[in-house]
Protein backbone atom coordinates (compact mmCIF):
# COMPACT_ATOMS: atom_id res chain seq x y z
CA UNK A 1 24.15 -13.61 -4.60
CA UNK A 2 23.77 -9.87 -3.36
CA UNK A 3 26.22 -8.87 -0.64
CA UNK A 4 25.61 -10.43 1.86
CA UNK A 5 26.79 -7.80 4.80
CA UNK A 6 24.47 -5.48 3.02
CA UNK A 7 21.46 -7.21 2.99
CA UNK A 8 21.01 -10.42 4.26
CA UNK A 9 23.12 -10.27 7.52
CA UNK A 10 22.10 -6.99 9.02
CA UNK A 11 18.52 -8.22 8.87
CA UNK A 12 19.25 -11.45 10.50
CA UNK A 13 21.03 -9.69 13.41
CA UNK A 14 17.47 -7.53 13.53
CA UNK A 15 15.67 -10.72 13.83
CA UNK A 16 17.83 -12.36 16.41
CA UNK A 17 16.89 -8.99 18.30
CA UNK A 18 13.44 -8.92 17.94
CA UNK A 19 12.40 -12.95 17.87
CA UNK A 20 15.00 -14.25 19.30
CA UNK A 21 17.23 -17.05 17.62
CA UNK A 22 14.77 -20.12 17.74
CA UNK A 23 11.88 -17.55 16.25
CA UNK A 24 14.48 -16.20 13.54
CA UNK A 25 15.20 -20.27 12.66
CA UNK A 26 11.61 -20.84 12.54
CA UNK A 27 10.99 -18.06 9.92
CA UNK A 28 13.90 -18.52 8.07
CA UNK A 29 12.40 -21.96 7.23
CA UNK A 30 13.24 -23.08 3.52
CA UNK A 31 14.79 -19.58 2.76
CA UNK A 32 17.88 -20.74 2.31
CA UNK A 33 17.31 -22.71 -0.29
CA UNK A 34 14.09 -20.74 -1.94
CA UNK A 35 16.04 -17.24 -2.04
CA UNK A 36 19.09 -18.18 -4.30
CA UNK A 37 16.42 -19.79 -6.57
CA UNK A 38 14.87 -17.09 -6.95
CA UNK A 39 17.17 -14.74 -7.13
CA UNK A 40 18.80 -16.64 -9.94
CA UNK A 41 15.08 -16.60 -11.81
CA UNK A 42 15.00 -12.75 -10.96
CA UNK A 43 18.14 -11.58 -12.12
CA UNK A 44 17.30 -14.26 -15.67
CA UNK A 45 14.18 -12.53 -16.03
CA UNK A 46 15.78 -8.72 -15.89
CA UNK A 47 18.53 -9.66 -18.15
CA UNK A 48 16.45 -10.69 -20.96
CA UNK A 49 13.51 -8.25 -20.51
CA UNK A 50 13.31 -5.75 -23.42
CA UNK A 51 12.36 -2.07 -22.96
CA UNK A 52 8.86 -1.33 -21.58
CA UNK A 53 6.38 0.21 -23.28
CA UNK A 54 4.61 1.98 -21.01
CA UNK A 55 7.56 3.50 -19.26
CA UNK A 56 8.88 5.01 -22.86
CA UNK A 57 5.95 6.50 -23.22
CA UNK A 58 5.99 7.78 -19.73
CA UNK A 59 9.72 8.66 -18.89
CA UNK A 60 9.93 6.61 -16.32
CA UNK A 61 11.24 3.14 -15.25
CA UNK A 62 8.93 1.01 -13.24
CA UNK A 63 9.75 -2.49 -15.08
CA UNK A 64 13.22 -3.64 -14.15
CA UNK A 65 12.56 -6.43 -11.42
CA UNK A 66 14.44 -6.39 -8.06
CA UNK A 67 14.85 -9.55 -5.68
CA UNK A 68 13.58 -9.11 -2.13
CA UNK A 69 17.51 -9.71 -1.09
CA UNK A 70 18.78 -6.97 -2.76
CA UNK A 71 16.63 -4.19 -0.40
CA UNK A 72 17.75 -2.73 2.59
CA UNK A 73 14.57 -3.09 4.32
CA UNK A 74 14.69 -1.99 8.05
CA UNK A 75 11.07 -3.44 8.89
CA UNK A 76 10.93 -6.54 11.38
CA UNK A 77 8.34 -7.91 8.89
CA UNK A 78 11.78 -7.68 6.25
CA UNK A 79 11.24 -12.06 5.69
CA UNK A 80 7.82 -11.34 4.65
CA UNK A 81 7.59 -9.13 1.80
CA UNK A 82 7.76 -10.33 -1.87
CA UNK A 83 10.19 -9.56 -4.96
CA UNK A 84 9.61 -6.14 -6.73
CA UNK A 85 7.51 -7.43 -10.23
CA UNK A 86 5.88 -4.72 -11.68
CA UNK A 87 2.04 -5.48 -11.84
CA UNK A 88 0.81 -5.55 -15.51
CA UNK A 89 -0.90 -2.26 -17.01
CA UNK A 90 -3.78 -3.86 -18.48
CA UNK A 91 -4.79 -5.90 -15.28
CA UNK A 92 -4.33 -2.65 -13.31
CA UNK A 93 -6.66 -0.54 -15.83
CA UNK A 94 -9.18 -3.74 -15.82
CA UNK A 95 -9.26 -4.25 -12.10
CA UNK A 96 -10.08 -0.40 -11.28
CA UNK A 97 -12.33 -0.14 -14.23
CA UNK A 98 -14.52 -2.80 -12.67
CA UNK A 99 -14.97 -1.33 -9.59
CA UNK A 100 -18.70 0.34 -9.37
CA UNK A 101 -17.80 3.56 -7.54
CA UNK A 102 -17.36 7.16 -8.17
CA UNK A 103 -13.68 7.87 -8.61
CA UNK A 104 -13.63 11.29 -7.75
CA UNK A 105 -15.20 10.60 -4.19
CA UNK A 106 -12.10 7.70 -3.04
CA UNK A 107 -8.70 7.73 -2.25
CA UNK A 108 -6.63 5.38 -3.89
CA UNK A 109 -4.09 3.63 -1.73
CA UNK A 110 -1.32 0.78 -3.39
CA UNK A 111 -0.17 -1.52 -0.59
CA UNK A 112 3.53 -2.76 -1.57
CA UNK A 113 3.86 0.10 -4.61
CA UNK A 114 7.06 -0.61 -5.61
CA UNK A 115 8.93 2.17 -8.39
CA UNK A 116 4.79 3.21 -8.65
CA UNK A 117 3.36 1.54 -11.51
CA UNK A 118 -0.11 1.07 -9.89
CA UNK A 119 -0.03 4.91 -9.10
CA UNK A 120 0.57 5.52 -12.56
CA UNK A 121 -1.90 3.79 -14.35
CA UNK A 122 -4.48 4.45 -11.01
CA UNK A 123 -4.06 8.58 -12.24
CA UNK A 124 -5.81 8.26 -15.62
CA UNK A 125 -9.05 7.47 -12.85
CA UNK A 126 -10.01 10.86 -11.60
CA UNK A 127 -9.44 9.75 -7.71
CA UNK A 128 -9.05 12.31 -5.32
CA UNK A 129 -5.67 11.03 -4.09
CA UNK A 130 -3.67 8.47 -5.05
CA UNK A 131 -0.80 6.89 -2.48
CA UNK A 132 1.84 4.16 -2.48
CA UNK A 133 3.30 2.45 0.67
CA UNK A 134 6.52 0.62 0.35
CA UNK A 135 8.61 -0.40 2.82
CA UNK A 136 11.72 -1.01 0.68
CA UNK A 137 13.35 2.50 0.75
CA UNK A 138 15.35 1.67 -2.93
CA UNK A 139 11.70 1.47 -4.42
CA UNK A 140 10.20 4.12 -2.70
CA UNK A 141 13.09 6.17 -4.10
CA UNK A 142 12.56 4.83 -7.11
CA UNK A 143 8.75 5.86 -7.27
CA UNK A 144 9.58 9.30 -6.36
CA UNK A 145 12.02 10.04 -8.96
CA UNK A 146 9.30 8.28 -11.10
CA UNK A 147 6.77 10.74 -9.58
CA UNK A 148 8.97 13.73 -10.98
CA UNK A 149 9.28 12.54 -13.97
CA UNK A 150 5.94 11.19 -15.14
CA UNK A 151 4.51 12.27 -18.14
CA UNK A 152 0.84 11.50 -19.26
CA UNK A 153 -1.91 13.65 -21.60
CA UNK A 154 -4.32 11.17 -20.03
CA UNK A 155 -3.87 11.86 -16.46
CA UNK A 156 -6.78 12.72 -14.02
CA UNK A 157 -5.61 12.88 -10.64
CA UNK A 158 -2.66 14.90 -10.13
CA UNK A 159 -2.42 14.21 -6.28
CA UNK A 160 0.08 11.33 -6.24
CA UNK A 161 1.90 10.25 -2.80
CA UNK A 162 4.91 7.90 -1.92
CA UNK A 163 5.05 6.85 1.48
CA UNK A 164 8.03 4.65 2.76
CA UNK A 165 6.39 2.36 5.71
CA UNK A 166 5.54 -0.79 6.54
CA UNK A 167 2.36 -1.50 5.38
CA UNK A 168 1.45 -3.17 8.76
CA UNK A 169 1.62 0.03 10.52
CA UNK A 170 0.06 2.27 8.08
CA UNK A 171 -2.93 4.49 9.32
CA UNK A 172 -5.48 4.89 7.30
CA UNK A 173 -6.94 7.84 6.16
CA UNK A 174 -10.47 9.24 6.41
CA UNK A 175 -13.17 9.04 3.66
CA UNK A 176 -13.90 6.29 1.28
CA UNK A 177 -10.96 4.28 0.43
CA UNK A 178 -10.12 1.93 -2.44
CA UNK A 179 -7.15 -0.55 -1.59
CA UNK A 180 -5.34 -2.01 -4.29
CA UNK A 181 -2.68 -5.12 -3.43
CA UNK A 182 -0.89 -7.30 -6.29
CA UNK A 183 0.27 -10.31 -3.90
CA UNK A 184 2.85 -7.73 -1.79
CA UNK A 185 3.66 -10.00 1.22
CA UNK A 186 3.19 -13.26 2.82
CA UNK A 187 -0.14 -14.58 4.05
CA UNK A 188 0.82 -13.71 7.79
CA UNK A 189 0.91 -9.88 7.14
CA UNK A 190 -1.82 -10.31 4.28
CA UNK A 191 -4.21 -11.30 7.44
CA UNK A 192 -3.00 -8.69 9.55
CA UNK A 193 -3.83 -5.91 7.05
CA UNK A 194 -7.48 -7.85 6.30
CA UNK A 195 -7.71 -7.45 10.28
CA UNK A 196 -7.50 -3.97 10.20
CA UNK A 197 -9.86 -3.17 6.92
CA UNK A 198 -12.50 -5.34 8.08
CA UNK A 199 -12.12 -2.70 11.53
CA UNK A 200 -12.70 0.48 9.23
CA UNK A 201 -15.76 1.92 9.37
CA UNK A 202 -15.84 4.12 6.32
CA UNK A 203 -16.60 2.66 2.85
CA UNK A 204 -14.07 0.65 2.06
CA UNK A 205 -12.91 -1.29 -1.42
CA UNK A 206 -10.27 -3.77 -2.00
CA UNK A 207 -8.44 -4.89 -5.14
CA UNK A 208 -6.59 -8.15 -4.89
CA UNK A 209 -4.94 -8.76 -7.89
CA UNK A 210 -2.87 -11.96 -8.41
CA UNK A 211 -4.59 -13.53 -5.24
CA UNK A 212 -2.55 -16.35 -3.62
CA UNK A 213 -4.09 -16.42 -0.17
CA UNK A 214 -7.80 -15.79 0.98
CA UNK A 215 -7.58 -13.22 3.46
CA UNK A 216 -10.66 -11.02 2.95
CA UNK A 217 -13.65 -13.42 3.77
CA UNK A 218 -15.02 -11.11 5.91
CA UNK A 219 -15.90 -8.55 3.31
CA UNK A 220 -18.61 -8.97 0.74
CA UNK A 221 -17.22 -10.45 -2.53
CA UNK A 222 -17.87 -8.08 -5.76
CA UNK A 223 -16.12 -10.06 -8.13
CA UNK A 224 -13.79 -12.87 -8.85
CA UNK A 225 -11.65 -13.41 -11.88
CA UNK A 226 -8.51 -15.60 -12.53
CA UNK A 227 -7.03 -12.35 -12.18
CA UNK A 228 -8.29 -10.19 -9.64
CA UNK A 229 -11.05 -10.46 -6.80
CA UNK A 230 -12.80 -7.35 -5.56
CA UNK A 231 -14.55 -7.35 -1.96
CA UNK A 232 -16.02 -4.23 -0.11
CA UNK A 233 -17.40 -3.25 2.93
CA UNK A 234 -20.18 -1.77 1.72
CA UNK A 235 -23.45 -3.30 1.86
CA UNK A 236 -24.81 -1.78 -0.89
CA UNK A 237 -23.12 -0.34 -4.78
CA UNK A 238 -22.31 3.14 -5.22
CA UNK A 239 -23.87 4.65 -8.11
CA UNK A 240 -21.03 5.83 -10.29
CA UNK A 241 -22.77 7.93 -12.11
């Protein structure tokens, strides 16, 4: 297991301060048994992973998995996040291509953006701006390095920005939005985000990849597959032509 003094123990102290002892024990739940098992699995997968063709082609590193307990997260929602696991490139491409929109009118935001893989794949589409929201400083720093080193001949959006912030405190920018989620957090956090999205007044499209919970029921369902779902608050579909 990772060094407890620099990862888990500091977060437990902050949790006791904000939630109290009883609240922290409730939050912990089965984590005592779950985290060691997940950590062993993550390390096993990382040690057997071959160099990723997407990373090699674009001079970046987004394929190495990272267990949540290895991250120095200061957010009060530190227990609500998931391990870093790279989103399959083909899944990102397929889901974004399925959006019936004119991408040039939209800001694309990836919640739980990790090392930035989704941002780079999205940059092959002509979005007006691309933003990644990541609450783990180590992953955010990796994304910033990747933004600097990224190379692509097919890139159509040059405005890529990485922000280190808890997604529940993020203020949505004005204008039409595409919001991407690759199962980045627990159901409680996802419900918090879904409520904020429902309250938005501007046009908004949600791509929920690898969906694990049903939290976007208040939005219109556009498409559902085994790999992803698309929702929107729009009453009329935008003509992408």
